[in-house]
Amino acid sequence: MKPLPPDKNGIVYSQIEVNGVNSLVLVDGTILEEAFCWQDRYILLFVINNLGFEELLFIYLFDTKINKIVDEARIGNLYAYDFVSDLQVISEDTIFFKFITKYGWILKLFDQPVRTFPFSFKHFFSIKRPFSSIRYFSVVPNNER
């Protein structure tokens, strides 16, 4: 991750670098908390924006073959402050981490992209995802496993 200077609106983006090579892909956030390689093709990135009392966690799945973010999620709320902690690889496709909630989150990567309803109201106020009917991973509060 290479943070860029703020744009004219004061928003800071970062560029993804893979093995020191700039991918030219821009993402929100400035601090890389963790990165995982998956299936020798994807890189799962946990990135925070470090804005003080409006902390957001951005989760990106970057496809190195097509040089593109294929799925993403954002966790956080206004006036919430926290950091990613207790990050654990539970299995080859499942990761546990804590951020904002007491019990943490479970992220599950899918072997193949799955068709889903384009958006969900279930976690509407805590998890934001782009409008899409294809998902490469799910992220849910740990107490819902």
N, C-alpha and C. Protein backbone atom coordinates (compact mmCIF):
# COMPACT_ATOMS: atom_id res chain seq x y z
N MET A 1 0.85 -1.17 0.00
CA MET A 1 0.00 0.00 0.00
C MET A 1 0.89 1.23 0.00
N LYS A 2 0.52 2.15 -0.85
CA LYS A 2 1.27 3.40 -0.92
C LYS A 2 0.27 4.55 -0.82
N PRO A 3 0.19 5.21 0.36
CA PRO A 3 -0.73 6.35 0.51
C PRO A 3 -0.34 7.48 -0.44
N LEU A 4 -1.36 8.13 -0.97
CA LEU A 4 -1.16 9.28 -1.86
C LEU A 4 -1.49 10.56 -1.11
N PRO A 5 -1.05 11.70 -1.60
CA PRO A 5 -1.44 12.97 -0.96
C PRO A 5 -2.96 13.15 -1.06
N PRO A 6 -3.55 13.88 -0.12
CA PRO A 6 -5.00 14.12 -0.17
C PRO A 6 -5.40 14.78 -1.49
N ASP A 7 -6.59 14.40 -1.99
CA ASP A 7 -7.09 15.05 -3.20
C ASP A 7 -7.65 16.42 -2.86
N LYS A 8 -8.26 17.10 -3.82
CA LYS A 8 -8.75 18.47 -3.59
C LYS A 8 -9.85 18.53 -2.54
N ASN A 9 -10.50 17.40 -2.26
CA ASN A 9 -11.54 17.34 -1.22
C ASN A 9 -10.99 16.85 0.12
N GLY A 10 -9.68 16.62 0.19
CA GLY A 10 -9.06 16.16 1.42
C GLY A 10 -9.13 14.66 1.63
N ILE A 11 -9.60 13.92 0.64
CA ILE A 11 -9.71 12.46 0.76
C ILE A 11 -8.38 11.83 0.39
N VAL A 12 -7.97 10.87 1.22
CA VAL A 12 -6.70 10.19 0.99
C VAL A 12 -6.98 8.78 0.46
N TYR A 13 -6.33 8.46 -0.63
CA TYR A 13 -6.40 7.13 -1.21
C TYR A 13 -5.01 6.50 -1.15
N SER A 14 -4.98 5.20 -1.37
CA SER A 14 -3.71 4.50 -1.46
C SER A 14 -3.70 3.68 -2.74
N GLN A 15 -2.49 3.42 -3.24
CA GLN A 15 -2.34 2.54 -4.39
C GLN A 15 -1.87 1.19 -3.89
N ILE A 16 -2.38 0.15 -4.52
CA ILE A 16 -1.96 -1.21 -4.18
C ILE A 16 -0.68 -1.52 -4.93
N GLU A 17 0.31 -2.03 -4.20
CA GLU A 17 1.54 -2.49 -4.81
C GLU A 17 1.68 -3.98 -4.54
N VAL A 18 2.04 -4.74 -5.56
CA VAL A 18 2.25 -6.18 -5.42
C VAL A 18 3.70 -6.47 -5.78
N ASN A 19 4.45 -7.01 -4.83
CA ASN A 19 5.87 -7.28 -5.02
C ASN A 19 6.62 -6.05 -5.50
N GLY A 20 6.26 -4.89 -4.95
CA GLY A 20 6.94 -3.65 -5.28
C GLY A 20 6.50 -2.99 -6.57
N VAL A 21 5.52 -3.60 -7.26
CA VAL A 21 5.04 -3.06 -8.53
C VAL A 21 3.69 -2.39 -8.31
N ASN A 22 3.58 -1.14 -8.73
CA ASN A 22 2.34 -0.39 -8.57
C ASN A 22 1.27 -0.95 -9.50
N SER A 23 0.12 -1.31 -8.94
CA SER A 23 -0.98 -1.87 -9.74
C SER A 23 -1.82 -0.77 -10.38
N LEU A 24 -1.64 0.47 -9.95
CA LEU A 24 -2.44 1.63 -10.38
C LEU A 24 -3.89 1.54 -9.92
N VAL A 25 -4.19 0.63 -8.99
CA VAL A 25 -5.53 0.49 -8.42
C VAL A 25 -5.58 1.32 -7.14
N LEU A 26 -6.55 2.23 -7.05
CA LEU A 26 -6.72 3.09 -5.88
C LEU A 26 -7.76 2.51 -4.94
N VAL A 27 -7.50 2.60 -3.63
CA VAL A 27 -8.45 2.16 -2.61
C VAL A 27 -8.54 3.21 -1.52
N ASP A 28 -9.66 3.20 -0.80
CA ASP A 28 -9.80 4.06 0.38
C ASP A 28 -8.92 3.51 1.48
N GLY A 29 -8.48 4.39 2.37
CA GLY A 29 -7.68 3.98 3.51
C GLY A 29 -6.21 4.24 3.29
N THR A 30 -5.49 4.32 4.42
CA THR A 30 -4.07 4.65 4.34
C THR A 30 -3.17 3.66 5.06
N ILE A 31 -3.71 2.89 5.98
CA ILE A 31 -2.87 1.99 6.77
C ILE A 31 -3.26 0.55 6.51
N LEU A 32 -2.32 -0.23 6.01
CA LEU A 32 -2.54 -1.65 5.77
C LEU A 32 -2.40 -2.38 7.09
N GLU A 33 -3.49 -2.95 7.58
CA GLU A 33 -3.46 -3.71 8.83
C GLU A 33 -2.96 -5.13 8.60
N GLU A 34 -3.42 -5.75 7.52
CA GLU A 34 -3.04 -7.13 7.23
C GLU A 34 -3.34 -7.44 5.77
N ALA A 35 -2.60 -8.39 5.22
CA ALA A 35 -2.84 -8.86 3.85
C ALA A 35 -2.63 -10.36 3.82
N PHE A 36 -3.48 -11.05 3.08
CA PHE A 36 -3.41 -12.50 2.95
C PHE A 36 -3.46 -12.87 1.47
N CYS A 37 -2.62 -13.81 1.08
CA CYS A 37 -2.69 -14.36 -0.27
C CYS A 37 -3.64 -15.55 -0.22
N TRP A 38 -4.49 -15.68 -1.23
CA TRP A 38 -5.46 -16.77 -1.25
C TRP A 38 -5.55 -17.34 -2.66
N GLN A 39 -5.50 -18.65 -2.75
CA GLN A 39 -5.61 -19.39 -4.01
C GLN A 39 -4.56 -18.95 -5.04
N ASP A 40 -3.43 -18.46 -4.61
CA ASP A 40 -2.36 -18.02 -5.51
C ASP A 40 -2.84 -17.02 -6.57
N ARG A 41 -3.95 -16.36 -6.27
CA ARG A 41 -4.50 -15.41 -7.24
C ARG A 41 -4.96 -14.12 -6.57
N TYR A 42 -5.51 -14.24 -5.38
CA TYR A 42 -6.14 -13.11 -4.72
C TYR A 42 -5.30 -12.62 -3.54
N ILE A 43 -5.44 -11.33 -3.26
CA ILE A 43 -4.87 -10.76 -2.04
C ILE A 43 -6.01 -10.11 -1.28
N LEU A 44 -6.21 -10.54 -0.04
CA LEU A 44 -7.23 -9.98 0.83
C LEU A 44 -6.56 -8.91 1.69
N LEU A 45 -7.05 -7.68 1.59
CA LEU A 45 -6.44 -6.54 2.28
C LEU A 45 -7.36 -6.00 3.36
N PHE A 46 -6.82 -5.76 4.54
CA PHE A 46 -7.52 -5.08 5.63
C PHE A 46 -6.86 -3.72 5.78
N VAL A 47 -7.60 -2.65 5.50
CA VAL A 47 -7.04 -1.30 5.46
C VAL A 47 -7.91 -0.38 6.32
N ILE A 48 -7.28 0.47 7.14
CA ILE A 48 -8.04 1.46 7.91
C ILE A 48 -7.71 2.86 7.38
N ASN A 49 -8.61 3.80 7.70
CA ASN A 49 -8.41 5.16 7.19
C ASN A 49 -7.72 6.08 8.18
N ASN A 50 -7.69 5.71 9.46
CA ASN A 50 -6.95 6.47 10.48
C ASN A 50 -7.38 7.93 10.55
N LEU A 51 -8.70 8.16 10.68
CA LEU A 51 -9.22 9.52 10.77
C LEU A 51 -9.64 9.90 12.19
N GLY A 52 -9.19 9.19 13.18
CA GLY A 52 -9.56 9.53 14.55
C GLY A 52 -10.90 8.97 14.93
N PHE A 53 -11.89 9.83 15.11
CA PHE A 53 -13.18 9.36 15.60
C PHE A 53 -14.16 8.98 14.50
N GLU A 54 -13.68 8.68 13.35
CA GLU A 54 -14.51 8.15 12.27
C GLU A 54 -13.74 7.01 11.62
N GLU A 55 -13.30 6.08 12.45
CA GLU A 55 -12.48 4.98 11.97
C GLU A 55 -13.31 4.02 11.13
N LEU A 56 -12.79 3.69 9.97
CA LEU A 56 -13.43 2.74 9.08
C LEU A 56 -12.43 1.66 8.71
N LEU A 57 -12.94 0.43 8.59
CA LEU A 57 -12.13 -0.68 8.12
C LEU A 57 -12.62 -1.03 6.71
N PHE A 58 -11.71 -1.03 5.77
CA PHE A 58 -12.01 -1.41 4.40
C PHE A 58 -11.40 -2.78 4.16
N ILE A 59 -12.20 -3.68 3.62
CA ILE A 59 -11.72 -5.02 3.28
C ILE A 59 -11.84 -5.15 1.77
N TYR A 60 -10.73 -5.44 1.13
CA TYR A 60 -10.70 -5.55 -0.33
C TYR A 60 -10.18 -6.92 -0.73
N LEU A 61 -10.77 -7.49 -1.78
CA LEU A 61 -10.23 -8.70 -2.39
C LEU A 61 -9.72 -8.30 -3.77
N PHE A 62 -8.40 -8.32 -3.90
CA PHE A 62 -7.72 -7.88 -5.12
C PHE A 62 -7.35 -9.10 -5.95
N ASP A 63 -7.78 -9.13 -7.20
CA ASP A 63 -7.47 -10.22 -8.12
C ASP A 63 -6.20 -9.83 -8.88
N THR A 64 -5.12 -10.55 -8.63
CA THR A 64 -3.84 -10.21 -9.25
C THR A 64 -3.79 -10.58 -10.73
N LYS A 65 -4.66 -11.47 -11.18
CA LYS A 65 -4.66 -11.87 -12.60
C LYS A 65 -5.28 -10.80 -13.49
N ILE A 66 -6.31 -10.13 -12.98
CA ILE A 66 -6.97 -9.09 -13.79
C ILE A 66 -6.71 -7.68 -13.26
N ASN A 67 -5.89 -7.60 -12.19
CA ASN A 67 -5.48 -6.31 -11.63
C ASN A 67 -6.69 -5.45 -11.25
N LYS A 68 -7.57 -6.03 -10.42
CA LYS A 68 -8.82 -5.36 -10.10
C LYS A 68 -9.34 -5.80 -8.73
N ILE A 69 -10.00 -4.87 -8.03
CA ILE A 69 -10.73 -5.22 -6.80
C ILE A 69 -12.01 -5.92 -7.24
N VAL A 70 -12.20 -7.18 -6.82
CA VAL A 70 -13.39 -7.93 -7.24
C VAL A 70 -14.49 -7.93 -6.19
N ASP A 71 -14.14 -7.64 -4.94
CA ASP A 71 -15.15 -7.55 -3.89
C ASP A 71 -14.60 -6.69 -2.77
N GLU A 72 -15.51 -6.07 -2.03
CA GLU A 72 -15.08 -5.20 -0.93
C GLU A 72 -16.20 -5.04 0.09
N ALA A 73 -15.80 -4.65 1.28
CA ALA A 73 -16.74 -4.35 2.36
C ALA A 73 -16.14 -3.24 3.20
N ARG A 74 -17.01 -2.46 3.83
CA ARG A 74 -16.57 -1.40 4.73
C ARG A 74 -17.30 -1.57 6.04
N ILE A 75 -16.56 -1.57 7.13
CA ILE A 75 -17.14 -1.71 8.47
C ILE A 75 -16.80 -0.47 9.26
N GLY A 76 -17.79 0.09 9.94
CA GLY A 76 -17.54 1.24 10.79
C GLY A 76 -18.72 2.18 10.81
N ASN A 77 -18.69 3.09 11.75
CA ASN A 77 -19.74 4.08 11.92
C ASN A 77 -19.10 5.42 12.28
N LEU A 78 -19.85 6.49 12.12
CA LEU A 78 -19.37 7.79 12.56
C LEU A 78 -19.13 7.77 14.06
N TYR A 79 -18.14 8.48 14.49
CA TYR A 79 -17.78 8.62 15.90
C TYR A 79 -17.39 7.30 16.56
N ALA A 80 -16.98 6.35 15.75
CA ALA A 80 -16.50 5.07 16.28
C ALA A 80 -14.98 5.06 16.16
N TYR A 81 -14.32 4.62 17.20
CA TYR A 81 -12.87 4.54 17.16
C TYR A 81 -12.46 3.14 17.58
N ASP A 82 -11.63 2.52 16.79
CA ASP A 82 -11.13 1.19 17.13
C ASP A 82 -9.98 0.87 16.19
N PHE A 83 -9.39 -0.28 16.39
CA PHE A 83 -8.35 -0.77 15.51
C PHE A 83 -8.58 -2.27 15.34
N VAL A 84 -8.03 -2.83 14.30
CA VAL A 84 -8.18 -4.26 14.04
C VAL A 84 -7.32 -5.00 15.05
N SER A 85 -7.92 -5.99 15.69
CA SER A 85 -7.17 -6.77 16.67
C SER A 85 -7.59 -8.23 16.63
N ASP A 86 -6.83 -9.06 17.30
CA ASP A 86 -7.12 -10.48 17.46
C ASP A 86 -7.40 -11.17 16.13
N LEU A 87 -6.69 -10.78 15.10
CA LEU A 87 -6.91 -11.37 13.78
C LEU A 87 -6.38 -12.79 13.77
N GLN A 88 -7.25 -13.75 13.38
CA GLN A 88 -6.88 -15.17 13.41
C GLN A 88 -7.35 -15.86 12.14
N VAL A 89 -6.48 -16.67 11.56
CA VAL A 89 -6.87 -17.52 10.44
C VAL A 89 -7.47 -18.78 11.05
N ILE A 90 -8.78 -18.96 10.88
CA ILE A 90 -9.49 -20.10 11.46
C ILE A 90 -9.31 -21.33 10.57
N SER A 91 -9.41 -21.14 9.28
CA SER A 91 -9.19 -22.21 8.30
C SER A 91 -8.70 -21.56 7.02
N GLU A 92 -8.50 -22.36 6.00
CA GLU A 92 -7.97 -21.85 4.74
C GLU A 92 -8.81 -20.71 4.16
N ASP A 93 -10.12 -20.73 4.44
CA ASP A 93 -11.01 -19.74 3.84
C ASP A 93 -11.77 -18.88 4.86
N THR A 94 -11.38 -18.96 6.13
CA THR A 94 -12.12 -18.25 7.18
C THR A 94 -11.18 -17.48 8.09
N ILE A 95 -11.52 -16.22 8.34
CA ILE A 95 -10.70 -15.34 9.18
C ILE A 95 -11.59 -14.70 10.24
N PHE A 96 -11.11 -14.68 11.46
CA PHE A 96 -11.78 -13.98 12.57
C PHE A 96 -10.98 -12.72 12.87
N PHE A 97 -11.69 -11.63 13.18
CA PHE A 97 -11.01 -10.40 13.61
C PHE A 97 -11.96 -9.57 14.45
N LYS A 98 -11.38 -8.71 15.26
CA LYS A 98 -12.18 -7.77 16.06
C LYS A 98 -12.00 -6.37 15.51
N PHE A 99 -13.13 -5.68 15.42
CA PHE A 99 -13.14 -4.27 15.03
C PHE A 99 -14.50 -3.71 15.43
N ILE A 100 -14.53 -2.79 16.34
CA ILE A 100 -15.70 -2.10 16.87
C ILE A 100 -16.59 -2.98 17.75
N THR A 101 -16.90 -4.21 17.34
CA THR A 101 -17.80 -5.05 18.13
C THR A 101 -17.04 -5.86 19.17
N LYS A 102 -17.73 -6.24 20.22
CA LYS A 102 -17.14 -7.01 21.32
C LYS A 102 -16.76 -8.43 20.88
N TYR A 103 -17.61 -9.03 20.04
CA TYR A 103 -17.40 -10.43 19.67
C TYR A 103 -16.69 -10.62 18.34
N GLY A 104 -16.43 -9.55 17.63
CA GLY A 104 -15.67 -9.64 16.39
C GLY A 104 -16.49 -10.02 15.18
N TRP A 105 -15.77 -10.36 14.13
CA TRP A 105 -16.36 -10.65 12.82
C TRP A 105 -15.78 -11.93 12.25
N ILE A 106 -16.56 -12.58 11.40
CA ILE A 106 -16.09 -13.76 10.67
C ILE A 106 -16.15 -13.43 9.17
N LEU A 107 -15.02 -13.57 8.50
CA LEU A 107 -14.96 -13.39 7.06
C LEU A 107 -14.73 -14.75 6.43
N LYS A 108 -15.57 -15.11 5.48
CA LYS A 108 -15.44 -16.39 4.78
C LYS A 108 -15.28 -16.14 3.29
N LEU A 109 -14.18 -16.63 2.74
CA LEU A 109 -13.92 -16.54 1.31
C LEU A 109 -14.59 -17.70 0.60
N PHE A 110 -15.17 -17.43 -0.56
CA PHE A 110 -15.85 -18.48 -1.33
C PHE A 110 -14.89 -19.04 -2.37
N ASP A 111 -14.95 -20.37 -2.59
CA ASP A 111 -14.10 -21.00 -3.61
C ASP A 111 -14.38 -20.46 -5.00
N GLN A 112 -15.65 -20.17 -5.26
CA GLN A 112 -16.09 -19.59 -6.52
C GLN A 112 -16.98 -18.40 -6.19
N PRO A 113 -17.05 -17.39 -7.04
CA PRO A 113 -17.99 -16.29 -6.79
C PRO A 113 -19.41 -16.85 -6.68
N VAL A 114 -20.20 -16.28 -5.76
CA VAL A 114 -21.58 -16.74 -5.57
C VAL A 114 -22.54 -15.61 -5.92
N ARG A 115 -23.70 -16.01 -6.41
CA ARG A 115 -24.76 -15.04 -6.70
C ARG A 115 -25.52 -14.76 -5.42
N THR A 116 -25.76 -13.50 -5.17
CA THR A 116 -26.50 -13.10 -3.97
C THR A 116 -27.46 -11.97 -4.34
N PHE A 117 -28.32 -11.65 -3.40
CA PHE A 117 -29.14 -10.46 -3.56
C PHE A 117 -28.18 -9.27 -3.54
N PRO A 118 -28.38 -8.28 -4.39
CA PRO A 118 -27.40 -7.20 -4.53
C PRO A 118 -27.08 -6.42 -3.26
N PHE A 119 -27.97 -6.39 -2.29
CA PHE A 119 -27.68 -5.69 -1.04
C PHE A 119 -28.45 -6.36 0.08
N SER A 120 -28.05 -6.08 1.30
CA SER A 120 -28.68 -6.69 2.47
C SER A 120 -29.02 -5.61 3.49
N PHE A 121 -30.20 -5.73 4.05
CA PHE A 121 -30.60 -4.80 5.11
C PHE A 121 -30.19 -5.31 6.49
N LYS A 122 -29.78 -6.58 6.55
CA LYS A 122 -29.50 -7.21 7.84
C LYS A 122 -28.42 -6.46 8.63
N HIS A 123 -27.36 -6.08 7.98
CA HIS A 123 -26.26 -5.36 8.64
C HIS A 123 -26.04 -4.01 7.99
N PHE A 124 -27.13 -3.40 7.57
CA PHE A 124 -27.08 -2.18 6.77
C PHE A 124 -26.30 -1.05 7.44
N PHE A 125 -26.39 -0.93 8.75
CA PHE A 125 -25.75 0.20 9.43
C PHE A 125 -24.30 -0.07 9.84
N SER A 126 -23.85 -1.32 9.76
CA SER A 126 -22.48 -1.59 10.17
C SER A 126 -21.59 -2.09 9.04
N ILE A 127 -22.17 -2.74 8.03
CA ILE A 127 -21.39 -3.25 6.90
C ILE A 127 -21.93 -2.63 5.62
N LYS A 128 -21.07 -1.95 4.91
CA LYS A 128 -21.44 -1.36 3.62
C LYS A 128 -20.72 -2.12 2.52
N ARG A 129 -21.47 -2.47 1.48
CA ARG A 129 -20.89 -3.17 0.34
C ARG A 129 -21.40 -2.54 -0.94
N PRO A 130 -20.61 -2.58 -2.00
CA PRO A 130 -21.09 -2.04 -3.26
C PRO A 130 -22.27 -2.87 -3.78
N PHE A 131 -23.11 -2.23 -4.55
CA PHE A 131 -24.25 -2.90 -5.15
C PHE A 131 -23.73 -3.94 -6.14
N SER A 132 -23.97 -5.22 -5.86
CA SER A 132 -23.48 -6.29 -6.73
C SER A 132 -24.25 -7.57 -6.43
N SER A 133 -24.48 -8.37 -7.45
CA SER A 133 -25.14 -9.66 -7.24
C SER A 133 -24.12 -10.79 -7.20
N ILE A 134 -22.84 -10.46 -7.25
CA ILE A 134 -21.76 -11.44 -7.15
C ILE A 134 -20.90 -11.10 -5.93
N ARG A 135 -20.65 -12.10 -5.10
CA ARG A 135 -19.78 -11.92 -3.93
C ARG A 135 -18.69 -12.98 -3.93
N TYR A 136 -17.52 -12.56 -3.47
CA TYR A 136 -16.38 -13.46 -3.34
C TYR A 136 -16.12 -13.82 -1.87
N PHE A 137 -16.74 -13.06 -0.96
CA PHE A 137 -16.62 -13.36 0.46
C PHE A 137 -17.83 -12.83 1.20
N SER A 138 -18.04 -13.38 2.39
CA SER A 138 -19.07 -12.86 3.29
C SER A 138 -18.39 -12.38 4.56
N VAL A 139 -18.99 -11.42 5.21
CA VAL A 139 -18.50 -10.95 6.51
C VAL A 139 -19.71 -10.71 7.38
N VAL A 140 -19.72 -11.37 8.54
CA VAL A 140 -20.86 -11.27 9.46
C VAL A 140 -20.34 -11.13 10.89
N PRO A 141 -21.15 -10.55 11.77
CA PRO A 141 -20.76 -10.50 13.18
C PRO A 141 -20.55 -11.92 13.71
N ASN A 142 -19.58 -12.10 14.58
CA ASN A 142 -19.22 -13.41 15.10
C ASN A 142 -20.38 -14.08 15.83
N ASN A 143 -21.26 -13.33 16.46
CA ASN A 143 -22.36 -13.93 17.21
C ASN A 143 -23.42 -14.54 16.31
N GLU A 144 -23.27 -14.46 14.98
CA GLU A 144 -24.25 -15.03 14.05
C GLU A 144 -23.76 -16.29 13.37
N ARG A 145 -22.62 -16.79 13.74
CA ARG A 145 -22.07 -17.97 13.09
C ARG A 145 -22.97 -19.16 13.23
